[in-house]
Amino acid sequence: MPWIQLRLSANEETAEKYSDWLMACGAQAVTFIDAKDTPIYEPLPGDEVTYWANTVVMGLYDASHDMDAAINYIKGIHPDGEKMKFKLEQLEDKDWEREWMDNFHPMKFGERLWICPSWREVPDPEAVNVMLDPGLAFGTGTHPTTALCLTWLDSLDLKGKTVVDFGCGSGILSLAALKLGAKEVIGIDIDPQALQASKENATRNGVEDRLSLYLPSDQPSLKADVVVANILAGPLRELAPVITEFLAKEAKLALSGVLEAQAETLQEIYGQWCHMEPIAIQDEWVRLSGIRR
């Protein structure tokens, strides 16, 4: 498959932010390098990442992707605007998936839960293990928003509960809920590739009979005991009435994909339906949680 790479000049303070911008524009992978092309890989939870003073942030895109739209979007929010330094280049065809696979390791969340790449051995066979191959869908557990939601799910008693995973991506939260005892999970996503990845991962974990997957246009009307939505602040604002409609009385809610600066507004919006709890923070990202009144 042909690929295009967008390179942005950054530093230790802006590298993570630029990475988020590239992902928001549809990048299928993001890499950080210094002047000597030494890569930084995603750390394990709890580890810190130190970036170089002169960092290049590289986003990898399918060659058919609308790069004009991606560049214009980033220019619109970049502090240098039209003077933003970037480089767009075609890449030789190579096994990018294999390179990514070599650097995705098992990770633990909370007290019981491990997320394990499907091609690696599990560290603790007695733990709650989710075998994951995210494919082209978001969600490996390495991003703080996913990690915050996984830790939250691990803290709940999900035995016999119905869960809605709104914006299910790779299915990582759906699978974690099922492995932690949920009776059934309803996964919803706007991307058909995400639903396919969720389906394949459910089959890999032997829980496909308890996972139902829908596009938003087909989503069912039901009340759930737990609802989790790891998307972005904009959609969370716009879809608040839709998301809260899934909550049964006293059902638990978790929202992520939210920066600290966006948390207060969302707390107020969802506070119309739920008793909101203190936010949880990891890096600059937060998880909001609450209970339906």
Protein backbone atom coordinates (compact mmCIF):
# COMPACT_ATOMS: atom_id res chain seq x y z
CA MET A 1 0.00 0.00 0.00
CA PRO A 2 1.39 3.47 -0.87
CA TRP A 3 1.87 5.90 2.01
CA ILE A 4 2.37 9.65 2.51
CA GLN A 5 4.23 11.15 5.44
CA LEU A 6 3.64 14.61 6.91
CA ARG A 7 6.53 15.96 9.00
CA LEU A 8 6.15 18.85 11.45
CA SER A 9 8.96 20.64 13.27
CA ALA A 10 8.35 20.66 17.03
CA ASN A 11 10.12 20.77 20.39
CA GLU A 12 9.75 19.05 23.76
CA GLU A 13 6.79 21.25 24.68
CA THR A 14 4.79 20.95 21.44
CA ALA A 15 5.53 17.40 20.25
CA GLU A 16 2.55 15.72 21.98
CA LYS A 17 0.15 18.45 20.87
CA TYR A 18 1.27 18.15 17.24
CA SER A 19 0.88 14.38 17.48
CA ASP A 20 -2.75 14.84 18.56
CA TRP A 21 -3.33 17.20 15.61
CA LEU A 22 -1.95 14.65 13.14
CA MET A 23 -4.15 11.91 14.60
CA ALA A 24 -7.18 14.21 14.44
CA CYS A 25 -6.48 14.60 10.71
CA GLY A 26 -6.54 10.85 10.12
CA ALA A 27 -2.93 9.73 10.63
CA GLN A 28 -2.72 5.96 11.02
CA ALA A 29 0.51 6.20 13.01
CA VAL A 30 2.65 8.96 14.54
CA THR A 31 6.40 8.77 15.21
CA PHE A 32 8.82 11.16 16.96
CA ILE A 33 12.46 11.49 15.84
CA ASP A 34 15.40 13.73 16.64
CA ALA A 35 18.00 15.11 14.24
CA LYS A 36 19.70 11.71 14.20
CA ASP A 37 16.43 9.91 13.36
CA THR A 38 16.33 8.06 16.67
CA PRO A 39 12.71 7.06 17.35
CA ILE A 40 10.76 7.46 20.60
CA TYR A 41 8.30 4.66 21.24
CA GLU A 42 5.13 4.83 23.34
CA PRO A 43 6.08 4.25 27.02
CA LEU A 44 4.47 1.86 29.41
CA PRO A 45 1.88 3.40 31.78
CA GLY A 46 3.61 5.42 34.50
CA ASP A 47 6.75 6.00 32.45
CA GLU A 48 7.59 9.48 31.24
CA VAL A 49 8.58 10.48 27.73
CA THR A 50 11.37 13.00 27.22
CA TYR A 51 11.42 14.65 23.82
CA TRP A 52 14.34 16.37 22.14
CA ALA A 53 14.66 20.16 21.87
CA ASN A 54 14.33 19.77 18.09
CA THR A 55 11.79 17.04 17.46
CA VAL A 56 10.21 16.01 14.18
CA VAL A 57 6.68 14.65 14.51
CA MET A 58 5.74 12.42 11.58
CA GLY A 59 2.20 11.35 10.67
CA LEU A 60 1.66 8.40 8.36
CA TYR A 61 -1.29 8.56 5.94
CA ASP A 62 -2.78 6.41 3.22
CA ALA A 63 -1.75 7.93 -0.14
CA SER A 64 -5.43 8.49 -1.02
CA HIS A 65 -5.96 10.69 2.07
CA ASP A 66 -6.95 14.33 1.47
CA MET A 67 -3.68 15.92 2.59
CA ASP A 68 -4.69 19.44 1.51
CA ALA A 69 -7.52 19.33 4.03
CA ALA A 70 -5.21 17.92 6.73
CA ILE A 71 -2.55 20.60 6.17
CA ASN A 72 -5.11 23.42 6.08
CA TYR A 73 -6.64 22.17 9.33
CA ILE A 74 -3.27 22.13 11.11
CA LYS A 75 -2.30 25.54 9.71
CA GLY A 76 -5.55 26.90 11.12
CA ILE A 77 -4.59 25.96 14.70
CA HIS A 78 -0.79 26.09 14.46
CA PRO A 79 0.77 29.17 16.14
CA ASP A 80 2.75 29.95 12.96
CA GLY A 81 -0.33 29.64 10.74
CA GLU A 82 0.57 29.87 7.05
CA LYS A 83 4.28 30.03 7.96
CA MET A 84 4.13 26.57 9.57
CA LYS A 85 7.15 24.44 8.70
CA PHE A 86 6.21 21.06 7.30
CA LYS A 87 7.30 18.50 4.73
CA LEU A 88 5.04 16.17 2.77
CA GLU A 89 6.70 13.16 1.20
CA GLN A 90 5.88 9.85 -0.42
CA LEU A 91 7.29 6.74 1.23
CA GLU A 92 8.52 3.51 -0.20
CA ASP A 93 6.21 0.59 0.44
CA LYS A 94 7.31 -1.37 3.53
CA ASP A 95 5.81 -3.42 6.30
CA TRP A 96 4.70 -0.57 8.59
CA GLU A 97 2.36 -2.90 10.47
CA ARG A 98 5.25 -5.19 11.39
CA GLU A 99 7.38 -2.27 12.61
CA TRP A 100 4.47 -1.08 14.80
CA MET A 101 3.82 -4.62 16.08
CA ASP A 102 7.40 -4.95 17.30
CA ASN A 103 6.84 -2.06 19.73
CA PHE A 104 3.39 -2.81 21.19
CA HIS A 105 3.82 -4.62 24.53
CA PRO A 106 1.45 -6.03 27.19
CA MET A 107 0.21 -3.35 29.62
CA LYS A 108 -1.57 -3.54 32.98
CA PHE A 109 -4.47 -1.30 34.04
CA GLY A 110 -5.90 -1.19 37.54
CA GLU A 111 -5.66 -4.31 39.68
CA ARG A 112 -6.77 -7.09 37.33
CA LEU A 113 -6.67 -6.05 33.72
CA TRP A 114 -3.98 -6.64 31.09
CA ILE A 115 -4.13 -5.55 27.44
CA CYS A 116 -1.94 -7.89 25.43
CA PRO A 117 -0.99 -7.80 21.74
CA SER A 118 -2.48 -10.86 20.08
CA TRP A 119 0.96 -11.93 18.82
CA ARG A 120 2.65 -11.93 22.27
CA GLU A 121 2.45 -14.20 25.30
CA VAL A 122 0.43 -12.95 28.29
CA PRO A 123 2.54 -11.98 31.34
CA ASP A 124 -0.01 -13.29 33.88
CA PRO A 125 -2.29 -16.15 32.71
CA GLU A 126 -4.38 -15.80 35.91
CA ALA A 127 -5.21 -12.12 35.25
CA VAL A 128 -8.04 -10.69 33.13
CA ASN A 129 -6.35 -10.68 29.74
CA VAL A 130 -7.64 -8.93 26.62
CA MET A 131 -5.89 -10.03 23.43
CA LEU A 132 -5.86 -7.10 21.03
CA ASP A 133 -5.02 -6.41 17.40
CA PRO A 134 -6.38 -2.90 16.76
CA GLY A 135 -5.85 -2.92 12.99
CA LEU A 136 -6.70 0.55 11.64
CA ALA A 137 -8.93 1.49 14.59
CA PHE A 138 -7.97 3.72 17.52
CA GLY A 139 -7.35 2.05 20.86
CA THR A 140 -4.37 0.09 22.15
CA GLY A 141 -4.31 1.37 25.72
CA THR A 142 -1.15 3.42 25.22
CA HIS A 143 -3.00 6.73 24.86
CA PRO A 144 -3.94 8.38 28.20
CA THR A 145 -7.63 8.62 27.29
CA THR A 146 -7.89 4.87 26.72
CA ALA A 147 -5.79 4.11 29.79
CA LEU A 148 -8.04 6.26 31.98
CA CYS A 149 -11.14 4.41 30.77
CA LEU A 150 -9.56 0.98 31.21
CA THR A 151 -8.57 1.78 34.79
CA TRP A 152 -12.10 3.02 35.48
CA LEU A 153 -13.67 -0.16 34.08
CA ASP A 154 -11.33 -2.28 36.18
CA SER A 155 -12.59 -0.48 39.31
CA LEU A 156 -16.25 -1.42 38.67
CA ASP A 157 -18.26 -4.51 39.47
CA LEU A 158 -19.49 -5.33 35.96
CA LYS A 159 -20.87 -8.78 36.64
CA GLY A 160 -24.19 -9.17 34.83
CA LYS A 161 -24.20 -5.54 33.61
CA THR A 162 -25.11 -4.09 30.21
CA VAL A 163 -22.49 -1.68 28.85
CA VAL A 164 -22.56 0.80 25.96
CA ASP A 165 -19.19 1.65 24.38
CA PHE A 166 -19.88 4.83 22.40
CA GLY A 167 -17.08 5.27 19.85
CA CYS A 168 -15.75 1.74 20.29
CA GLY A 169 -12.75 1.99 17.93
CA SER A 170 -10.71 -1.22 18.17
CA GLY A 171 -13.17 -2.58 20.74
CA ILE A 172 -10.63 -2.38 23.54
CA LEU A 173 -13.10 -0.98 26.11
CA SER A 174 -15.87 -3.33 25.01
CA LEU A 175 -13.59 -6.36 25.37
CA ALA A 176 -12.28 -5.18 28.73
CA ALA A 177 -15.85 -4.81 30.02
CA LEU A 178 -16.81 -8.28 28.79
CA LYS A 179 -13.69 -9.90 30.23
CA LEU A 180 -14.39 -8.12 33.53
CA GLY A 181 -17.82 -9.76 33.75
CA ALA A 182 -20.30 -7.66 31.78
CA LYS A 183 -23.31 -9.58 30.49
CA GLU A 184 -23.37 -7.76 27.16
CA VAL A 185 -21.80 -4.77 25.43
CA ILE A 186 -23.20 -2.59 22.66
CA GLY A 187 -20.41 -1.00 20.61
CA ILE A 188 -21.16 2.04 18.43
CA ASP A 189 -18.81 3.77 15.98
CA ILE A 190 -19.06 5.94 12.87
CA ASP A 191 -16.21 4.04 11.17
CA PRO A 192 -17.04 0.65 9.58
CA GLN A 193 -13.35 -0.31 9.91
CA ALA A 194 -13.64 0.18 13.66
CA LEU A 195 -16.64 -2.15 13.81
CA GLN A 196 -14.70 -4.74 11.81
CA ALA A 197 -11.71 -4.45 14.14
CA SER A 198 -14.00 -4.77 17.18
CA LYS A 199 -15.67 -7.85 15.70
CA GLU A 200 -12.35 -9.56 14.96
CA ASN A 201 -10.97 -8.78 18.40
CA ALA A 202 -14.14 -10.07 20.06
CA THR A 203 -13.78 -13.34 18.15
CA ARG A 204 -10.12 -13.53 19.15
CA ASN A 205 -11.17 -13.24 22.81
CA GLY A 206 -14.11 -15.63 22.57
CA VAL A 207 -16.73 -13.01 23.51
CA GLU A 208 -18.30 -12.31 20.11
CA ASP A 209 -21.67 -13.71 21.24
CA ARG A 210 -21.97 -10.95 23.88
CA LEU A 211 -20.89 -7.98 21.72
CA SER A 212 -23.33 -6.20 19.37
CA LEU A 213 -21.95 -3.58 16.99
CA TYR A 214 -23.74 -0.69 15.28
CA LEU A 215 -23.22 2.39 13.17
CA PRO A 216 -24.90 5.46 14.72
CA SER A 217 -27.68 5.31 12.12
CA ASP A 218 -28.57 1.82 13.33
CA GLN A 219 -27.94 2.14 17.06
CA PRO A 220 -30.63 0.61 19.26
CA SER A 221 -32.78 2.28 21.89
CA LEU A 222 -31.95 0.79 25.28
CA LYS A 223 -30.96 1.53 28.86
CA ALA A 224 -27.53 0.42 30.07
CA ASP A 225 -25.93 0.05 33.48
CA VAL A 226 -22.63 1.53 32.29
CA VAL A 227 -21.82 3.89 29.42
CA VAL A 228 -18.31 4.83 28.33
CA ALA A 229 -17.49 7.29 25.54
CA ASN A 230 -13.84 7.83 24.62
CA ILE A 231 -14.17 10.23 21.69
CA LEU A 232 -13.39 13.99 21.61
CA ALA A 233 -14.69 17.05 23.44
CA GLY A 234 -16.60 18.44 20.44
CA PRO A 235 -18.66 15.31 19.78
CA LEU A 236 -19.16 14.81 23.52
CA ARG A 237 -20.73 18.27 23.71
CA GLU A 238 -22.94 17.79 20.67
CA LEU A 239 -23.99 14.24 21.50
CA ALA A 240 -24.65 14.68 25.23
CA PRO A 241 -28.43 14.10 24.87
CA VAL A 242 -27.78 10.96 22.79
CA ILE A 243 -25.16 9.52 25.14
CA THR A 244 -27.08 10.21 28.34
CA GLU A 245 -30.23 8.66 26.84
CA PHE A 246 -28.51 5.27 27.15
CA LEU A 247 -28.16 5.66 30.93
CA ALA A 248 -30.57 3.81 33.17
CA LYS A 249 -31.32 5.38 36.55
CA GLU A 250 -28.16 5.32 38.71
CA ALA A 251 -26.13 4.02 35.75
CA LYS A 252 -22.43 4.90 35.66
CA LEU A 253 -20.91 7.13 32.97
CA ALA A 254 -17.30 7.77 31.89
CA LEU A 255 -16.20 10.28 29.25
CA SER A 256 -12.69 10.78 27.86
CA GLY A 257 -10.88 12.28 24.89
CA VAL A 258 -11.01 15.53 26.86
CA LEU A 259 -8.22 17.98 27.70
CA GLU A 260 -8.04 19.63 31.13
CA ALA A 261 -9.09 22.98 29.69
CA GLN A 262 -12.27 21.40 28.26
CA ALA A 263 -13.31 19.49 31.38
CA GLU A 264 -15.26 22.19 33.23
CA THR A 265 -17.60 22.85 30.30
CA LEU A 266 -18.37 19.16 29.87
CA GLN A 267 -18.86 18.72 33.62
CA GLU A 268 -21.56 21.40 33.44
CA ILE A 269 -23.22 19.93 30.34
CA TYR A 270 -23.42 16.37 31.66
CA GLY A 271 -24.28 17.65 35.11
CA GLN A 272 -27.75 18.33 33.72
CA TRP A 273 -28.38 14.57 33.77
CA CYS A 274 -25.76 13.14 36.12
CA HIS A 275 -24.13 13.67 39.48
CA MET A 276 -20.57 14.34 38.27
CA GLU A 277 -17.55 13.14 40.23
CA PRO A 278 -14.06 14.70 40.44
CA ILE A 279 -12.09 14.33 37.22
CA ALA A 280 -9.16 11.94 36.82
CA ILE A 281 -6.08 13.32 35.03
CA GLN A 282 -3.28 11.63 33.10
CA ASP A 283 -0.81 13.92 31.36
CA GLU A 284 -3.03 16.72 29.95
CA TRP A 285 -6.00 14.40 29.37
CA VAL A 286 -8.90 13.79 31.73
CA ARG A 287 -11.68 11.31 32.38
CA LEU A 288 -15.03 12.60 33.57
CA SER A 289 -17.33 10.23 35.42
CA GLY A 290 -20.76 10.44 36.95
CA ILE A 291 -23.96 8.64 37.99
CA ARG A 292 -27.33 9.15 36.31
CA ARG A 293 -29.84 10.87 38.54
